[in-house]
Amino acid sequence: MNTFINDYRRDAIQSFRNYKLLADRSVEQVSDEQFFAVIDPESNSIAVIVKHIAGNLRSRWSDFLTTDGEKPDRNRDTEFEMIADTRESLMQFWESGWQTLFDALEQLAEEDFSRTVKIRGEPHTIVEAINRQLTHYSYHIGQLVFLAKHLKSTEWKTLSVPRNRSADYNRHLADQQASGIEKTNRIQTAMNFGQDKE
């Protein structure tokens, strides 16, 4: 595979995995009550964000190369409503959606990157389609993390470098590099550092 395409594909998959990890570690920290909590009339709950991302994942990545990313059986509006949804059912939907994404991306071959796919009838290069979803999910996962942190307050377990520990973290990275570790997963490394220091 072309080096640039291979590097891009690998980095995109890792970035999706990192955002999923941030969301998963946030959801793990909240109670069922907090999972469904709405902090004001215009806000979404963590549950709604999970449901919306999962619905989008299923729609965009099922038959990614051959059908429009907005599937005719998707009802986006109901993703923002709780209709007999449970935390368990929503998390199953979440996991299934992410698996659909990873299956689609991991199967992409070099020649697929010259193809065009459609989302709501609009043509996208493969890179455009991937970037569209990467930015969309990071936007909502940022909301999810913020909500979880707000709801947990002082009980929140950080998912990044703790406050006032940036210099320590930089030394930690320098020590890793000096020991021969040239590249790490930036999200996982920061998360582990933060939790080790609590």
Protein backbone atom coordinates (compact mmCIF):
# COMPACT_ATOMS: atom_id res chain seq x y z
CA MET A 1 0.00 0.00 0.00
CA ASN A 2 1.16 3.55 -0.79
CA THR A 3 3.03 4.87 2.27
CA PHE A 4 0.95 8.05 2.57
CA ILE A 5 -2.34 6.19 2.23
CA ASN A 6 -1.23 3.52 4.67
CA ASP A 7 -0.08 6.12 7.21
CA TYR A 8 -3.31 8.09 6.85
CA ARG A 9 -5.50 4.99 7.19
CA ARG A 10 -3.57 3.76 10.24
CA ASP A 11 -3.69 7.17 11.91
CA ALA A 12 -7.41 7.58 11.18
CA ILE A 13 -8.19 4.18 12.73
CA GLN A 14 -6.06 5.00 15.79
CA SER A 15 -7.72 8.40 16.15
CA PHE A 16 -11.18 6.81 16.07
CA ARG A 17 -10.03 4.25 18.65
CA ASN A 18 -8.66 7.04 20.87
CA TYR A 19 -11.91 9.00 20.78
CA LYS A 20 -13.89 5.85 21.55
CA LEU A 21 -11.56 5.18 24.49
CA LEU A 22 -12.12 8.69 25.87
CA ALA A 23 -15.87 8.20 25.62
CA ASP A 24 -15.77 4.71 27.14
CA ARG A 25 -13.64 5.83 30.09
CA SER A 26 -16.03 8.72 30.68
CA VAL A 27 -19.16 6.57 30.52
CA GLU A 28 -17.60 4.05 32.92
CA GLN A 29 -17.34 6.76 35.58
CA VAL A 30 -21.01 7.82 35.62
CA SER A 31 -23.96 6.22 37.38
CA ASP A 32 -27.13 5.22 35.53
CA GLU A 33 -28.81 8.36 36.84
CA GLN A 34 -25.95 10.52 35.54
CA PHE A 35 -25.93 8.65 32.21
CA PHE A 36 -29.51 9.80 31.53
CA ALA A 37 -29.26 13.21 33.27
CA VAL A 38 -30.12 16.37 31.31
CA ILE A 39 -28.48 19.47 32.78
CA ASP A 40 -30.81 21.96 31.04
CA PRO A 41 -33.66 21.90 28.49
CA GLU A 42 -31.34 22.53 25.51
CA SER A 43 -28.70 19.97 26.47
CA ASN A 44 -28.36 16.33 25.51
CA SER A 45 -27.69 13.63 28.07
CA ILE A 46 -24.74 11.29 27.78
CA ALA A 47 -27.29 8.64 26.78
CA VAL A 48 -28.54 10.76 23.87
CA ILE A 49 -25.00 11.47 22.67
CA VAL A 50 -24.21 7.75 22.78
CA LYS A 51 -27.40 6.95 20.85
CA HIS A 52 -26.77 9.63 18.23
CA ILE A 53 -23.15 8.62 17.60
CA ALA A 54 -24.15 4.96 17.42
CA GLY A 55 -26.92 5.71 14.91
CA ASN A 56 -24.54 7.77 12.82
CA LEU A 57 -21.87 5.05 12.95
CA ARG A 58 -24.29 2.40 11.72
CA SER A 59 -25.60 4.62 8.94
CA ARG A 60 -22.30 5.99 7.67
CA TRP A 61 -20.17 2.84 7.81
CA SER A 62 -22.55 0.03 6.81
CA ASP A 63 -21.79 -0.79 3.17
CA PHE A 64 -19.49 2.24 3.23
CA LEU A 65 -18.21 1.98 -0.34
CA THR A 66 -21.46 1.00 -2.04
CA THR A 67 -24.40 2.86 -0.48
CA ASP A 68 -25.17 6.41 0.60
CA GLY A 69 -23.98 7.11 4.15
CA GLU A 70 -27.45 8.34 5.12
CA LYS A 71 -29.35 5.05 5.10
CA PRO A 72 -33.07 5.18 4.26
CA ASP A 73 -33.97 3.28 7.44
CA ARG A 74 -32.18 5.77 9.71
CA ASN A 75 -34.46 8.01 11.75
CA ARG A 76 -31.99 10.60 13.01
CA ASP A 77 -34.57 12.56 14.99
CA THR A 78 -35.31 9.60 17.26
CA GLU A 79 -31.62 9.43 18.18
CA PHE A 80 -32.29 12.49 20.33
CA GLU A 81 -35.18 10.86 22.21
CA MET A 82 -35.21 8.17 24.86
CA ILE A 83 -37.75 5.60 23.67
CA ALA A 84 -37.64 2.58 25.99
CA ASP A 85 -33.86 2.77 25.86
CA THR A 86 -31.75 1.29 28.63
CA ARG A 87 -28.10 1.90 29.36
CA GLU A 88 -27.38 -1.70 28.36
CA SER A 89 -29.24 -1.45 25.04
CA LEU A 90 -27.59 1.86 24.19
CA MET A 91 -24.11 0.55 24.98
CA GLN A 92 -24.75 -2.51 22.81
CA PHE A 93 -25.82 -0.18 19.98
CA TRP A 94 -22.66 1.89 20.63
CA GLU A 95 -20.34 -1.12 20.45
CA SER A 96 -22.04 -2.43 17.31
CA GLY A 97 -21.71 0.96 15.62
CA TRP A 98 -18.02 1.25 16.38
CA GLN A 99 -17.40 -2.29 15.18
CA THR A 100 -19.09 -1.38 11.89
CA LEU A 101 -16.69 1.56 11.51
CA PHE A 102 -13.56 -0.47 12.30
CA ASP A 103 -14.61 -3.30 9.98
CA ALA A 104 -15.13 -0.81 7.14
CA LEU A 105 -11.85 1.05 7.64
CA GLU A 106 -9.66 -1.98 8.23
CA GLN A 107 -10.84 -3.51 4.94
CA LEU A 108 -10.01 -0.45 2.82
CA ALA A 109 -7.43 -1.18 0.14
CA GLU A 110 -5.20 1.36 -1.61
CA GLU A 111 -7.39 1.37 -4.72
CA ASP A 112 -10.45 2.22 -2.60
CA PHE A 113 -8.95 5.65 -1.90
CA SER A 114 -9.55 6.63 -5.53
CA ARG A 115 -13.28 5.99 -5.15
CA THR A 116 -16.07 8.40 -4.30
CA VAL A 117 -18.84 7.75 -1.77
CA LYS A 118 -22.00 9.71 -1.11
CA ILE A 119 -23.42 11.13 2.09
CA ARG A 120 -26.95 12.52 1.69
CA GLY A 121 -26.35 12.46 -2.05
CA GLU A 122 -23.22 14.62 -1.85
CA PRO A 123 -20.05 13.05 -3.29
CA HIS A 124 -17.06 12.67 -0.97
CA THR A 125 -13.58 11.32 -1.53
CA ILE A 126 -12.73 8.55 0.92
CA VAL A 127 -10.48 10.96 2.84
CA GLU A 128 -13.27 13.56 2.99
CA ALA A 129 -15.74 10.97 4.25
CA ILE A 130 -13.35 9.73 6.94
CA ASN A 131 -12.42 13.26 8.04
CA ARG A 132 -16.07 14.30 8.13
CA GLN A 133 -16.87 11.55 10.59
CA LEU A 134 -13.69 11.91 12.62
CA THR A 135 -14.45 15.56 13.29
CA HIS A 136 -18.14 14.85 13.92
CA TYR A 137 -17.44 12.16 16.53
CA SER A 138 -14.71 14.18 18.24
CA TYR A 139 -17.16 17.09 18.57
CA HIS A 140 -19.77 14.95 20.31
CA ILE A 141 -17.28 12.97 22.38
CA GLY A 142 -15.92 16.27 23.68
CA GLN A 143 -19.47 17.06 24.81
CA LEU A 144 -19.78 13.64 26.42
CA VAL A 145 -16.50 13.98 28.33
CA PHE A 146 -17.47 17.48 29.49
CA LEU A 147 -20.83 16.22 30.77
CA ALA A 148 -19.31 13.25 32.57
CA LYS A 149 -16.66 15.45 34.19
CA HIS A 150 -19.30 18.00 35.22
CA LEU A 151 -21.55 15.33 36.71
CA LYS A 152 -18.73 13.56 38.58
CA SER A 153 -17.23 16.84 39.82
CA THR A 154 -14.53 16.16 42.43
CA GLU A 155 -14.86 12.38 41.91
CA TRP A 156 -13.77 12.66 38.26
CA LYS A 157 -10.75 10.56 37.30
CA THR A 158 -8.78 12.56 34.76
CA LEU A 159 -8.36 11.26 31.21
CA SER A 160 -5.40 13.49 30.40
CA VAL A 161 -2.38 15.15 31.98
CA PRO A 162 -3.43 16.37 35.46
CA ARG A 163 -3.38 20.07 36.25
CA ASN A 164 0.00 21.42 37.26
CA ARG A 165 1.72 18.22 36.07
CA SER A 166 2.72 19.21 32.51
CA ALA A 167 6.43 19.42 33.34
CA ASP A 168 6.28 15.98 35.01
CA TYR A 169 4.53 14.58 31.95
CA ASN A 170 7.13 16.04 29.60
CA ARG A 171 9.88 14.41 31.71
CA HIS A 172 7.91 11.14 31.61
CA LEU A 173 7.84 11.29 27.79
CA ALA A 174 11.54 12.18 27.64
CA ASP A 175 12.34 9.18 29.90
CA GLN A 176 10.34 6.91 27.61
CA GLN A 177 12.15 8.20 24.54
CA ALA A 178 15.54 7.81 26.28
CA SER A 179 14.68 4.19 27.06
CA GLY A 180 14.06 3.50 23.36
CA ILE A 181 10.32 4.05 23.11
CA GLU A 182 10.10 6.41 20.15
CA LYS A 183 6.36 6.71 19.70
CA THR A 184 3.44 6.08 22.01
CA ASN A 185 -0.31 6.33 21.78
CA ARG A 186 -0.66 9.96 22.89
CA ILE A 187 -4.14 9.54 24.38
CA GLN A 188 -3.42 6.27 26.18
CA THR A 189 -0.07 7.51 27.51
CA ALA A 190 -1.56 10.74 28.89
CA MET A 191 -4.53 8.84 30.33
CA ASN A 192 -2.31 6.30 32.08
CA PHE A 193 -0.02 9.04 33.40
CA GLY A 194 -3.00 10.96 34.80
CA GLN A 195 -4.49 7.95 36.53
CA ASP A 196 -1.16 6.76 37.90
CA LYS A 197 -0.68 10.14 39.59
CA GLU A 198 -4.06 10.21 41.35
